[in-house]
Amino acid sequence: MTKPWSVKISGECDKPGDYQLEDIIGPHTLEDRVYRHRCVEAWSMVVPWVGFPLGDLLRRFNPNLDAKFVRFKTLHDPDQMPGQRRPVLQWPYVEGLTMAEAMHPLTLMVVGVYGKSLPNQNGAPLRLVIPWKYGFKGIKSIVEIEFLRRQPNTSWEIANSREYGFHANVNPEVDHPRWSQARERRIGAGVFAPKQPTLMFNGYAEEVAELYAGLDLRKNY
């Protein structure tokens, strides 16, 4: 069930509060964007999303100069989401971005996929898509957005920081401890299709590499 739905805005901003879904989406023009999607488990696909730039939403709340990071929290409702009964992670699911990442024009607040409203299993009614990062950064069913001074701890970092870092940029030169990230299996390419080489930043290096200038991407994975 995604109605009624509200999103709590808090932290280092001038306009905190509880906003109804219509207030979140209404002022924005929806766009169709086709993005490459790369899972940390070495498979990929191409997805046609419907949404609007996250930065356009965040600007409406006037984040102040102390806002360096943004934390997102998903709905915690084990009755609707029975997977949350499993102790795989500390629930609710939490993700985060730097302000620069959140404000980048490629970062999308998504409300639809394949030309239709998001189904529940894909993160209805609001989810993030950051196409140069591994898919687990794309938090689903968002109910809270908080502007922070310091880098937040995220769900997979808390669960296993050795395997999952805060940045989670697609990087074929930094392997997961249990498998290579140099190649990927493309969903829809056919059962016998060979794996494809993984591109740095999932093919979006020209647009986003400057965000990480001077940062050691092997240590900050």
C-alpha atoms as a PDB file:
ATOM      1  CA  MET A   1       0.000   0.000   0.000  1.00  0.00           C
ATOM      2  CA  THR A   2       1.529   3.322  -1.075  1.00  0.00           C
ATOM      3  CA  LYS A   3      -1.339   5.698  -0.253  1.00  0.00           C
ATOM      4  CA  PRO A   4      -1.433   7.791   1.825  1.00  0.00           C
ATOM      5  CA  TRP A   5       2.322   8.407   1.738  1.00  0.00           C
ATOM      6  CA  SER A   6       4.447  11.134   3.263  1.00  0.00           C
ATOM      7  CA  VAL A   7       8.146  11.962   3.385  1.00  0.00           C
ATOM      8  CA  LYS A   8       9.806  13.531   6.410  1.00  0.00           C
ATOM      9  CA  ILE A   9      12.371  16.221   5.577  1.00  0.00           C
ATOM     10  CA  SER A  10      14.799  17.050   8.382  1.00  0.00           C
ATOM     11  CA  GLY A  11      18.293  18.156   9.293  1.00  0.00           C
ATOM     12  CA  GLU A  12      20.327  21.045   7.927  1.00  0.00           C
ATOM     13  CA  CYS A  13      17.665  22.832   5.896  1.00  0.00           C
ATOM     14  CA  ASP A  14      15.275  25.770   6.172  1.00  0.00           C
ATOM     15  CA  LYS A  15      12.067  23.922   5.337  1.00  0.00           C
ATOM     16  CA  PRO A  16      11.817  20.720   7.376  1.00  0.00           C
ATOM     17  CA  GLY A  17       8.492  18.990   7.771  1.00  0.00           C
ATOM     18  CA  ASP A  18       6.268  16.131   6.704  1.00  0.00           C
ATOM     19  CA  TYR A  19       5.341  16.401   3.039  1.00  0.00           C
ATOM     20  CA  GLN A  20       2.619  14.422   1.312  1.00  0.00           C
ATOM     21  CA  LEU A  21       3.534  12.449  -1.793  1.00  0.00           C
ATOM     22  CA  GLU A  22       1.629  14.913  -3.969  1.00  0.00           C
ATOM     23  CA  ASP A  23       3.701  17.763  -2.513  1.00  0.00           C
ATOM     24  CA  ILE A  24       6.915  15.893  -3.297  1.00  0.00           C
ATOM     25  CA  ILE A  25       6.084  15.017  -6.904  1.00  0.00           C
ATOM     26  CA  GLY A  26       3.594  17.690  -7.959  1.00  0.00           C
ATOM     27  CA  PRO A  27       5.891  20.647  -8.726  1.00  0.00           C
ATOM     28  CA  HIS A  28       8.158  18.594 -10.986  1.00  0.00           C
ATOM     29  CA  THR A  29       8.006  17.697 -14.663  1.00  0.00           C
ATOM     30  CA  LEU A  30       8.490  13.969 -15.098  1.00  0.00           C
ATOM     31  CA  GLU A  31      11.131  12.772 -17.543  1.00  0.00           C
ATOM     32  CA  ASP A  32      11.791   9.484 -19.314  1.00  0.00           C
ATOM     33  CA  ARG A  33      15.399   8.412 -18.856  1.00  0.00           C
ATOM     34  CA  VAL A  34      17.054   5.221 -20.050  1.00  0.00           C
ATOM     35  CA  TYR A  35      19.936   4.255 -17.766  1.00  0.00           C
ATOM     36  CA  ARG A  36      22.374   1.405 -17.493  1.00  0.00           C
ATOM     37  CA  HIS A  37      21.877  -0.486 -14.239  1.00  0.00           C
ATOM     38  CA  ARG A  38      24.773  -2.425 -12.692  1.00  0.00           C
ATOM     39  CA  CYS A  39      24.265  -4.722  -9.725  1.00  0.00           C
ATOM     40  CA  VAL A  40      27.126  -5.310  -7.288  1.00  0.00           C
ATOM     41  CA  GLU A  41      26.616  -9.031  -8.003  1.00  0.00           C
ATOM     42  CA  ALA A  42      28.035  -8.578 -11.526  1.00  0.00           C
ATOM     43  CA  TRP A  43      24.901  -8.479 -13.661  1.00  0.00           C
ATOM     44  CA  SER A  44      23.496  -5.521 -15.551  1.00  0.00           C
ATOM     45  CA  MET A  45      20.537  -4.373 -17.598  1.00  0.00           C
ATOM     46  CA  VAL A  46      19.137  -1.281 -19.283  1.00  0.00           C
ATOM     47  CA  VAL A  47      16.086   0.264 -17.620  1.00  0.00           C
ATOM     48  CA  PRO A  48      13.703   3.025 -18.800  1.00  0.00           C
ATOM     49  CA  TRP A  49      12.873   5.045 -15.683  1.00  0.00           C
ATOM     50  CA  VAL A  50      10.377   7.857 -15.136  1.00  0.00           C
ATOM     51  CA  GLY A  51      11.267  10.567 -12.654  1.00  0.00           C
ATOM     52  CA  PHE A  52      12.867  13.946 -12.044  1.00  0.00           C
ATOM     53  CA  PRO A  53      16.287  15.167 -10.870  1.00  0.00           C
ATOM     54  CA  LEU A  54      16.748  14.656  -7.141  1.00  0.00           C
ATOM     55  CA  GLY A  55      18.582  17.969  -6.928  1.00  0.00           C
ATOM     56  CA  ASP A  56      15.467  19.839  -8.047  1.00  0.00           C
ATOM     57  CA  LEU A  57      13.600  18.349  -5.097  1.00  0.00           C
ATOM     58  CA  LEU A  58      16.328  19.003  -2.536  1.00  0.00           C
ATOM     59  CA  ARG A  59      16.670  22.662  -3.517  1.00  0.00           C
ATOM     60  CA  ARG A  60      13.054  23.232  -2.515  1.00  0.00           C
ATOM     61  CA  PHE A  61      13.988  22.639   1.141  1.00  0.00           C
ATOM     62  CA  ASN A  62      16.865  25.158   1.121  1.00  0.00           C
ATOM     63  CA  PRO A  63      19.684  23.033   2.560  1.00  0.00           C
ATOM     64  CA  ASN A  64      22.156  25.227   4.424  1.00  0.00           C
ATOM     65  CA  LEU A  65      25.938  25.357   4.100  1.00  0.00           C
ATOM     66  CA  ASP A  66      26.375  22.739   6.837  1.00  0.00           C
ATOM     67  CA  ALA A  67      24.588  20.123   4.722  1.00  0.00           C
ATOM     68  CA  LYS A  68      27.386  17.946   3.343  1.00  0.00           C
ATOM     69  CA  PHE A  69      25.508  14.641   3.038  1.00  0.00           C
ATOM     70  CA  VAL A  70      21.974  13.387   2.524  1.00  0.00           C
ATOM     71  CA  ARG A  71      20.582  10.330   4.281  1.00  0.00           C
ATOM     72  CA  PHE A  72      17.563   8.431   2.978  1.00  0.00           C
ATOM     73  CA  LYS A  73      15.421   5.975   4.902  1.00  0.00           C
ATOM     74  CA  THR A  74      12.976   3.410   3.585  1.00  0.00           C
ATOM     75  CA  LEU A  75       9.610   2.358   4.967  1.00  0.00           C
ATOM     76  CA  HIS A  76       9.848  -0.156   7.800  1.00  0.00           C
ATOM     77  CA  ASP A  77       6.729  -2.306   7.630  1.00  0.00           C
ATOM     78  CA  PRO A  78       7.362  -6.059   7.925  1.00  0.00           C
ATOM     79  CA  ASP A  79       3.679  -6.791   7.289  1.00  0.00           C
ATOM     80  CA  GLN A  80       3.926  -5.289   3.801  1.00  0.00           C
ATOM     81  CA  MET A  81       7.592  -6.168   3.352  1.00  0.00           C
ATOM     82  CA  PRO A  82       8.058  -9.612   4.923  1.00  0.00           C
ATOM     83  CA  GLY A  83      11.714  -9.660   3.910  1.00  0.00           C
ATOM     84  CA  GLN A  84      12.293  -7.158   6.704  1.00  0.00           C
ATOM     85  CA  ARG A  85      11.608  -9.935   9.188  1.00  0.00           C
ATOM     86  CA  ARG A  86      14.912 -11.503   8.199  1.00  0.00           C
ATOM     87  CA  PRO A  87      17.941 -10.323  10.211  1.00  0.00           C
ATOM     88  CA  VAL A  88      20.062  -9.799   7.098  1.00  0.00           C
ATOM     89  CA  LEU A  89      20.301  -6.055   7.780  1.00  0.00           C
ATOM     90  CA  GLN A  90      19.408  -3.585  10.485  1.00  0.00           C
ATOM     91  CA  TRP A  91      16.025  -2.272   9.384  1.00  0.00           C
ATOM     92  CA  PRO A  92      14.868   0.178   8.155  1.00  0.00           C
ATOM     93  CA  TYR A  93      17.136   0.345   5.129  1.00  0.00           C
ATOM     94  CA  VAL A  94      19.298   3.477   5.091  1.00  0.00           C
ATOM     95  CA  GLU A  95      21.404   4.947   2.293  1.00  0.00           C
ATOM     96  CA  GLY A  96      23.383   8.129   1.796  1.00  0.00           C
ATOM     97  CA  LEU A  97      25.013  10.399  -0.756  1.00  0.00           C
ATOM     98  CA  THR A  98      27.318  13.365  -0.646  1.00  0.00           C
ATOM     99  CA  MET A  99      25.549  16.613  -1.452  1.00  0.00           C
ATOM    100  CA  ALA A 100      27.494  16.798  -4.708  1.00  0.00           C
ATOM    101  CA  GLU A 101      26.267  13.331  -5.703  1.00  0.00           C
ATOM    102  CA  ALA A 102      22.707  14.094  -4.661  1.00  0.00           C
ATOM    103  CA  MET A 103      22.648  17.345  -6.631  1.00  0.00           C
ATOM    104  CA  HIS A 104      24.194  15.858  -9.769  1.00  0.00           C
ATOM    105  CA  PRO A 105      21.748  16.049 -12.704  1.00  0.00           C
ATOM    106  CA  LEU A 106      22.018  12.308 -13.405  1.00  0.00           C
ATOM    107  CA  THR A 107      20.723  11.409  -9.926  1.00  0.00           C
ATOM    108  CA  LEU A 108      17.044  10.659 -10.334  1.00  0.00           C
ATOM    109  CA  MET A 109      14.080  10.514  -7.987  1.00  0.00           C
ATOM    110  CA  VAL A 110      12.058   7.805  -9.677  1.00  0.00           C
ATOM    111  CA  VAL A 111       8.283   7.327  -9.672  1.00  0.00           C
ATOM    112  CA  GLY A 112       7.872   4.992 -12.655  1.00  0.00           C
ATOM    113  CA  VAL A 113       9.449   2.343 -14.853  1.00  0.00           C
ATOM    114  CA  TYR A 114       8.635   1.080 -18.361  1.00  0.00           C
ATOM    115  CA  GLY A 115       6.192   3.956 -18.750  1.00  0.00           C
ATOM    116  CA  LYS A 116       4.058   2.985 -15.751  1.00  0.00           C
ATOM    117  CA  SER A 117       3.961   3.804 -12.048  1.00  0.00           C
ATOM    118  CA  LEU A 118       6.507   1.950  -9.947  1.00  0.00           C
ATOM    119  CA  PRO A 119       5.237  -1.415  -8.735  1.00  0.00           C
ATOM    120  CA  ASN A 120       5.765  -2.183  -5.069  1.00  0.00           C
ATOM    121  CA  GLN A 121       8.628  -4.588  -5.717  1.00  0.00           C
ATOM    122  CA  ASN A 122      10.558  -1.889  -7.560  1.00  0.00           C
ATOM    123  CA  GLY A 123      10.300   0.631  -4.745  1.00  0.00           C
ATOM    124  CA  ALA A 124       6.932   2.374  -5.029  1.00  0.00           C
ATOM    125  CA  PRO A 125       6.142   5.155  -4.740  1.00  0.00           C
ATOM    126  CA  LEU A 126       9.585   6.837  -4.567  1.00  0.00           C
ATOM    127  CA  ARG A 127      13.064   5.454  -5.108  1.00  0.00           C
ATOM    128  CA  LEU A 128      16.492   6.696  -6.096  1.00  0.00           C
ATOM    129  CA  VAL A 129      18.497   5.805  -9.178  1.00  0.00           C
ATOM    130  CA  ILE A 130      22.171   6.788  -9.323  1.00  0.00           C
ATOM    131  CA  PRO A 131      23.333   5.184 -12.568  1.00  0.00           C
ATOM    132  CA  TRP A 132      27.094   5.283 -11.949  1.00  0.00           C
ATOM    133  CA  LYS A 133      26.777   3.406  -8.644  1.00  0.00           C
ATOM    134  CA  TYR A 134      25.958  -0.189  -7.802  1.00  0.00           C
ATOM    135  CA  GLY A 135      22.257  -0.844  -7.588  1.00  0.00           C
ATOM    136  CA  PHE A 136      22.039  -1.207  -3.804  1.00  0.00           C
ATOM    137  CA  LYS A 137      22.565   2.557  -3.506  1.00  0.00           C
ATOM    138  CA  GLY A 138      19.161   3.053  -5.154  1.00  0.00           C
ATOM    139  CA  ILE A 139      17.075   3.032  -1.989  1.00  0.00           C
ATOM    140  CA  LYS A 140      13.386   2.210  -2.418  1.00  0.00           C
ATOM    141  CA  SER A 141      10.102   3.279  -0.818  1.00  0.00           C
ATOM    142  CA  ILE A 142      11.598   6.438   0.683  1.00  0.00           C
ATOM    143  CA  VAL A 143       9.922   7.927   3.763  1.00  0.00           C
ATOM    144  CA  GLU A 144      12.661  10.190   5.120  1.00  0.00           C
ATOM    145  CA  ILE A 145      15.299  12.541   3.721  1.00  0.00           C
ATOM    146  CA  GLU A 146      17.756  14.142   6.143  1.00  0.00           C
ATOM    147  CA  PHE A 147      20.483  16.710   5.456  1.00  0.00           C
ATOM    148  CA  LEU A 148      23.585  15.953   7.529  1.00  0.00           C
ATOM    149  CA  ARG A 149      26.915  17.509   8.414  1.00  0.00           C
ATOM    150  CA  ARG A 150      28.716  14.162   8.562  1.00  0.00           C
ATOM    151  CA  GLN A 151      28.774  11.034   6.433  1.00  0.00           C
ATOM    152  CA  PRO A 152      26.013   8.657   7.535  1.00  0.00           C
ATOM    153  CA  ASN A 153      26.419   4.959   8.166  1.00  0.00           C
ATOM    154  CA  THR A 154      24.498   3.019   5.534  1.00  0.00           C
ATOM    155  CA  SER A 155      22.804  -0.353   5.834  1.00  0.00           C
ATOM    156  CA  TRP A 156      25.254  -2.482   3.876  1.00  0.00           C
ATOM    157  CA  GLU A 157      28.241  -0.715   5.430  1.00  0.00           C
ATOM    158  CA  ILE A 158      26.901  -1.586   8.866  1.00  0.00           C
ATOM    159  CA  ALA A 159      26.299  -5.183   7.800  1.00  0.00           C
ATOM    160  CA  ASN A 160      29.706  -5.713   6.158  1.00  0.00           C
ATOM    161  CA  SER A 161      31.973  -2.715   5.618  1.00  0.00           C
ATOM    162  CA  ARG A 162      34.693  -4.915   4.114  1.00  0.00           C
ATOM    163  CA  GLU A 163      32.461  -5.782   1.168  1.00  0.00           C
ATOM    164  CA  TYR A 164      30.255  -2.687   0.797  1.00  0.00           C
ATOM    165  CA  GLY A 165      31.542   0.870   0.971  1.00  0.00           C
ATOM    166  CA  PHE A 166      29.757   4.195   1.231  1.00  0.00           C
ATOM    167  CA  HIS A 167      30.497   5.390  -2.307  1.00  0.00           C
ATOM    168  CA  ALA A 168      29.793   2.091  -4.132  1.00  0.00           C
ATOM    169  CA  ASN A 169      30.856   3.474  -7.499  1.00  0.00           C
ATOM    170  CA  VAL A 170      30.944   0.967 -10.338  1.00  0.00           C
ATOM    171  CA  ASN A 171      34.654   0.247 -10.743  1.00  0.00           C
ATOM    172  CA  PRO A 172      36.026  -2.692 -12.761  1.00  0.00           C
ATOM    173  CA  GLU A 173      39.422  -2.256 -11.080  1.00  0.00           C
ATOM    174  CA  VAL A 174      38.141  -2.856  -7.542  1.00  0.00           C
ATOM    175  CA  ASP A 175      36.822  -6.371  -7.053  1.00  0.00           C
ATOM    176  CA  HIS A 176      34.279  -7.476  -4.521  1.00  0.00           C
ATOM    177  CA  PRO A 177      36.114  -9.703  -1.993  1.00  0.00           C
ATOM    178  CA  ARG A 178      34.187 -12.713  -3.310  1.00  0.00           C
ATOM    179  CA  TRP A 179      34.059 -12.067  -7.073  1.00  0.00           C
ATOM    180  CA  SER A 180      35.494  -9.980  -9.879  1.00  0.00           C
ATOM    181  CA  GLN A 181      33.872  -6.722 -10.959  1.00  0.00           C
ATOM    182  CA  ALA A 182      35.763  -6.602 -14.257  1.00  0.00           C
ATOM    183  CA  ARG A 183      32.948  -8.158 -16.297  1.00  0.00           C
ATOM    184  CA  GLU A 184      29.173  -8.426 -16.094  1.00  0.00           C
ATOM    185  CA  ARG A 185      26.325 -10.586 -17.339  1.00  0.00           C
ATOM    186  CA  ARG A 186      23.836  -8.492 -19.309  1.00  0.00           C
ATOM    187  CA  ILE A 187      20.228  -9.451 -18.606  1.00  0.00           C
ATOM    188  CA  GLY A 188      18.403  -9.963 -21.897  1.00  0.00           C
ATOM    189  CA  ALA A 189      21.533 -10.665 -23.925  1.00  0.00           C
ATOM    190  CA  GLY A 190      20.783 -14.382 -24.119  1.00  0.00           C
ATOM    191  CA  VAL A 191      21.720 -17.413 -22.068  1.00  0.00           C
ATOM    192  CA  PHE A 192      24.903 -18.101 -24.019  1.00  0.00           C
ATOM    193  CA  ALA A 193      26.013 -14.506 -24.494  1.00  0.00           C
ATOM    194  CA  PRO A 194      29.524 -13.813 -23.177  1.00  0.00           C
ATOM    195  CA  LYS A 195      29.996 -11.486 -20.245  1.00  0.00           C
ATOM    196  CA  GLN A 196      30.701  -7.876 -21.145  1.00  0.00           C
ATOM    197  CA  PRO A 197      33.510  -5.683 -19.822  1.00  0.00           C
ATOM    198  CA  THR A 198      32.359  -3.405 -17.020  1.00  0.00           C
ATOM    199  CA  LEU A 199      32.906   0.298 -17.680  1.00  0.00           C
ATOM    200  CA  MET A 200      34.265   2.729 -15.115  1.00  0.00           C
ATOM    201  CA  PHE A 201      31.393   4.512 -13.384  1.00  0.00           C
ATOM    202  CA  ASN A 202      29.108   2.230 -15.420  1.00  0.00           C
ATOM    203  CA  GLY A 203      29.883   4.228 -18.555  1.00  0.00           C
ATOM    204  CA  TYR A 204      29.129   7.636 -17.013  1.00  0.00           C
ATOM    205  CA  ALA A 205      32.738   8.643 -16.288  1.00  0.00           C
ATOM    206  CA  GLU A 206      32.618  11.705 -18.526  1.00  0.00           C
ATOM    207  CA  GLU A 207      29.728  13.091 -16.494  1.00  0.00           C
ATOM    208  CA  VAL A 208      30.733  12.159 -12.933  1.00  0.00           C
ATOM    209  CA  ALA A 209      34.480  11.480 -12.634  1.00  0.00           C
ATOM    210  CA  GLU A 210      35.125  15.056 -11.497  1.00  0.00           C
ATOM    211  CA  LEU A 211      33.099  14.371  -8.342  1.00  0.00           C
ATOM    212  CA  TYR A 212      35.922  12.118  -7.150  1.00  0.00           C
ATOM    213  CA  ALA A 213      38.983  14.106  -8.209  1.00  0.00           C
ATOM    214  CA  GLY A 214      41.819  13.374  -5.786  1.00  0.00           C
ATOM    215  CA  LEU A 215      39.913  10.575  -4.034  1.00  0.00           C
ATOM    216  CA  ASP A 216      41.548   7.149  -3.788  1.00  0.00           C
ATOM    217  CA  LEU A 217      38.806   4.987  -5.287  1.00  0.00           C
ATOM    218  CA  ARG A 218      40.427   1.778  -4.056  1.00  0.00           C
ATOM    219  CA  LYS A 219      40.146   2.886  -0.446  1.00  0.00           C
ATOM    220  CA  ASN A 220      36.880   4.764  -0.931  1.00  0.00           C
ATOM    221  CA  TYR A 221      34.971   1.995  -2.675  1.00  0.00           C
END
